[in-house]
Amino acid sequence: MAKKEIKRDVIEVLGYIRGDNTGWGINVSKISWENEPTTLNVRHVNEPADIISKGISISDYEASLLTDILIKNDYGSVDELKEAIKRREFFTDYGEIINENEEDIFVFRIN
C-alpha cells in the first residue's frame, strides 16, 4: 500500500534549535497540516526543509501553557524572558539573528 501524501504549508520558520553537518536539525515553525488551523511545530527537518520528520504540533494555547509550565519549573524566568527580549530588540534593530547559543553569542546578518 502506498503512503498517503500529507499536505503541509509551512507558514513561517520561527527559528532553529540545533543543526548538524548532515543537513538535519530541529526547527520551530508555524505549519498548517491538511488545510487545518496553523500549529506551532518543533520538528526534525532537513535543509531546505523539504523533508519533515518526527516532532510535535501544538496550538497557540498549548504553547502558552507549555511556557507557563517551563517557567514554573525553573526552565526560565520572567527576568530571563525580559533579557531575551532586550537582546532580540537590540539585534533586530541592526540585523537578522541567524543563530544564538546558550552562551549568549549571536551570529547575525547586518541589514
C-alpha atoms as a PDB file:
ATOM      1  CA  MET A   1       0.000   0.000   0.000  1.00  0.00           C
ATOM      2  CA  ALA A   2       1.372   3.401  -0.998  1.00  0.00           C
ATOM      3  CA  LYS A   3       1.946   6.047   1.638  1.00  0.00           C
ATOM      4  CA  LYS A   4      -0.573   8.871   1.664  1.00  0.00           C
ATOM      5  CA  GLU A   5       0.886  12.280   0.873  1.00  0.00           C
ATOM      6  CA  ILE A   6       0.215  14.631   3.778  1.00  0.00           C
ATOM      7  CA  LYS A   7      -0.401  18.229   2.730  1.00  0.00           C
ATOM      8  CA  ARG A   8       1.549  20.781   4.722  1.00  0.00           C
ATOM      9  CA  ASP A   9       2.020  24.501   4.348  1.00  0.00           C
ATOM     10  CA  VAL A  10       4.970  25.977   6.240  1.00  0.00           C
ATOM     11  CA  ILE A  11       3.666  29.422   7.134  1.00  0.00           C
ATOM     12  CA  GLU A  12       6.793  30.653   8.915  1.00  0.00           C
ATOM     13  CA  VAL A  13      10.052  29.260  10.269  1.00  0.00           C
ATOM     14  CA  LEU A  14      10.459  30.885  13.680  1.00  0.00           C
ATOM     15  CA  GLY A  15      13.935  29.617  14.461  1.00  0.00           C
ATOM     16  CA  TYR A  16      16.368  26.775  14.810  1.00  0.00           C
ATOM     17  CA  ILE A  17      17.119  24.869  17.995  1.00  0.00           C
ATOM     18  CA  ARG A  18      20.082  22.980  16.589  1.00  0.00           C
ATOM     19  CA  GLY A  19      21.574  21.648  13.418  1.00  0.00           C
ATOM     20  CA  ASP A  20      24.382  19.357  12.399  1.00  0.00           C
ATOM     21  CA  ASN A  21      26.708  18.838   9.468  1.00  0.00           C
ATOM     22  CA  THR A  22      24.392  16.266   7.872  1.00  0.00           C
ATOM     23  CA  GLY A  23      21.878  18.954   6.915  1.00  0.00           C
ATOM     24  CA  TRP A  24      19.374  17.836   9.545  1.00  0.00           C
ATOM     25  CA  GLY A  25      18.315  19.887  12.529  1.00  0.00           C
ATOM     26  CA  ILE A  26      15.419  20.861  14.726  1.00  0.00           C
ATOM     27  CA  ASN A  27      13.397  23.924  13.889  1.00  0.00           C
ATOM     28  CA  VAL A  28      10.387  25.713  15.270  1.00  0.00           C
ATOM     29  CA  SER A  29       7.783  26.593  12.646  1.00  0.00           C
ATOM     30  CA  LYS A  30       4.185  27.556  12.119  1.00  0.00           C
ATOM     31  CA  ILE A  31       2.643  24.873   9.890  1.00  0.00           C
ATOM     32  CA  SER A  32      -0.831  24.196   8.577  1.00  0.00           C
ATOM     33  CA  TRP A  33      -1.426  20.445   8.150  1.00  0.00           C
ATOM     34  CA  GLU A  34      -4.152  19.300   5.753  1.00  0.00           C
ATOM     35  CA  ASN A  35      -5.550  22.869   5.498  1.00  0.00           C
ATOM     36  CA  GLU A  36      -6.282  22.919   9.242  1.00  0.00           C
ATOM     37  CA  PRO A  37      -5.519  25.868  11.550  1.00  0.00           C
ATOM     38  CA  THR A  38      -1.837  26.698  11.962  1.00  0.00           C
ATOM     39  CA  THR A  39       0.053  24.981  14.779  1.00  0.00           C
ATOM     40  CA  LEU A  40       3.427  25.538  16.399  1.00  0.00           C
ATOM     41  CA  ASN A  41       5.754  22.695  15.377  1.00  0.00           C
ATOM     42  CA  VAL A  42       9.080  21.547  16.787  1.00  0.00           C
ATOM     43  CA  ARG A  43      10.412  19.012  14.294  1.00  0.00           C
ATOM     44  CA  HIS A  44      13.463  17.382  12.795  1.00  0.00           C
ATOM     45  CA  VAL A  45      13.895  18.760   9.278  1.00  0.00           C
ATOM     46  CA  ASN A  46      16.486  18.673   6.555  1.00  0.00           C
ATOM     47  CA  GLU A  47      17.592  21.754   4.693  1.00  0.00           C
ATOM     48  CA  PRO A  48      15.828  23.254   2.799  1.00  0.00           C
ATOM     49  CA  ALA A  49      13.018  21.694   4.881  1.00  0.00           C
ATOM     50  CA  ASP A  50      11.663  19.550   2.077  1.00  0.00           C
ATOM     51  CA  ILE A  51      11.583  16.565   4.440  1.00  0.00           C
ATOM     52  CA  ILE A  52       9.932  16.999   7.833  1.00  0.00           C
ATOM     53  CA  SER A  53      10.331  14.178  10.331  1.00  0.00           C
ATOM     54  CA  LYS A  54       9.232  13.407  13.871  1.00  0.00           C
ATOM     55  CA  GLY A  55       8.230  16.196  16.210  1.00  0.00           C
ATOM     56  CA  ILE A  56       5.314  17.813  17.964  1.00  0.00           C
ATOM     57  CA  SER A  57       2.497  20.131  16.917  1.00  0.00           C
ATOM     58  CA  ILE A  58       0.744  22.297  19.480  1.00  0.00           C
ATOM     59  CA  SER A  59      -1.827  25.078  19.289  1.00  0.00           C
ATOM     60  CA  ASP A  60      -1.085  28.655  20.366  1.00  0.00           C
ATOM     61  CA  TYR A  61      -2.986  27.984  23.579  1.00  0.00           C
ATOM     62  CA  GLU A  62      -0.968  24.829  24.266  1.00  0.00           C
ATOM     63  CA  ALA A  63       2.259  26.769  23.581  1.00  0.00           C
ATOM     64  CA  SER A  64       1.157  29.316  26.178  1.00  0.00           C
ATOM     65  CA  LEU A  65       0.526  26.525  28.704  1.00  0.00           C
ATOM     66  CA  LEU A  66       3.912  24.986  27.898  1.00  0.00           C
ATOM     67  CA  THR A  67       5.609  28.338  28.517  1.00  0.00           C
ATOM     68  CA  ASP A  68       3.861  28.582  31.894  1.00  0.00           C
ATOM     69  CA  ILE A  69       4.954  25.033  32.820  1.00  0.00           C
ATOM     70  CA  LEU A  70       8.567  25.686  31.852  1.00  0.00           C
ATOM     71  CA  ILE A  71       8.762  28.920  33.846  1.00  0.00           C
ATOM     72  CA  LYS A  72       7.012  27.345  36.849  1.00  0.00           C
ATOM     73  CA  ASN A  73       9.591  24.535  36.858  1.00  0.00           C
ATOM     74  CA  ASP A  74      12.587  26.881  36.588  1.00  0.00           C
ATOM     75  CA  TYR A  75      13.266  26.318  32.898  1.00  0.00           C
ATOM     76  CA  GLY A  76      13.191  30.054  32.509  1.00  0.00           C
ATOM     77  CA  SER A  77      12.128  33.049  34.495  1.00  0.00           C
ATOM     78  CA  VAL A  78      10.399  36.328  33.837  1.00  0.00           C
ATOM     79  CA  ASP A  79      13.775  38.071  34.210  1.00  0.00           C
ATOM     80  CA  GLU A  80      15.363  35.712  31.674  1.00  0.00           C
ATOM     81  CA  LEU A  81      12.491  36.357  29.267  1.00  0.00           C
ATOM     82  CA  LYS A  82      12.921  40.129  29.677  1.00  0.00           C
ATOM     83  CA  GLU A  83      16.655  39.790  28.955  1.00  0.00           C
ATOM     84  CA  ALA A  84      15.940  37.662  25.879  1.00  0.00           C
ATOM     85  CA  ILE A  85      13.501  40.305  24.628  1.00  0.00           C
ATOM     86  CA  LYS A  86      16.101  43.057  25.153  1.00  0.00           C
ATOM     87  CA  ARG A  87      18.703  41.038  23.203  1.00  0.00           C
ATOM     88  CA  ARG A  88      16.237  40.453  20.386  1.00  0.00           C
ATOM     89  CA  GLU A  89      15.264  44.118  20.209  1.00  0.00           C
ATOM     90  CA  PHE A  90      18.911  45.172  20.061  1.00  0.00           C
ATOM     91  CA  PHE A  91      19.899  42.740  17.342  1.00  0.00           C
ATOM     92  CA  THR A  92      16.756  43.109  15.247  1.00  0.00           C
ATOM     93  CA  ASP A  93      17.342  46.878  15.205  1.00  0.00           C
ATOM     94  CA  TYR A  94      20.645  46.178  13.428  1.00  0.00           C
ATOM     95  CA  GLY A  95      20.164  42.941  11.544  1.00  0.00           C
ATOM     96  CA  GLU A  96      18.676  39.477  11.404  1.00  0.00           C
ATOM     97  CA  ILE A  97      19.677  36.927  14.036  1.00  0.00           C
ATOM     98  CA  ILE A  98      20.844  33.786  12.279  1.00  0.00           C
ATOM     99  CA  ASN A  99      21.930  31.693  15.263  1.00  0.00           C
ATOM    100  CA  GLU A 100      22.076  32.023  19.029  1.00  0.00           C
ATOM    101  CA  ASN A 101      23.588  29.618  21.511  1.00  0.00           C
ATOM    102  CA  GLU A 102      23.398  29.119  25.247  1.00  0.00           C
ATOM    103  CA  GLU A 103      26.458  31.327  25.887  1.00  0.00           C
ATOM    104  CA  ASP A 104      24.517  34.354  24.554  1.00  0.00           C
ATOM    105  CA  ILE A 105      26.703  34.513  21.456  1.00  0.00           C
ATOM    106  CA  PHE A 106      24.766  35.672  18.436  1.00  0.00           C
ATOM    107  CA  VAL A 107      25.548  35.330  14.761  1.00  0.00           C
ATOM    108  CA  PHE A 108      23.589  37.853  12.780  1.00  0.00           C
ATOM    109  CA  ARG A 109      23.409  39.356   9.319  1.00  0.00           C
ATOM    110  CA  ILE A 110      23.550  43.137   9.016  1.00  0.00           C
ATOM    111  CA  ASN A 111      20.638  44.537   7.019  1.00  0.00           C
END
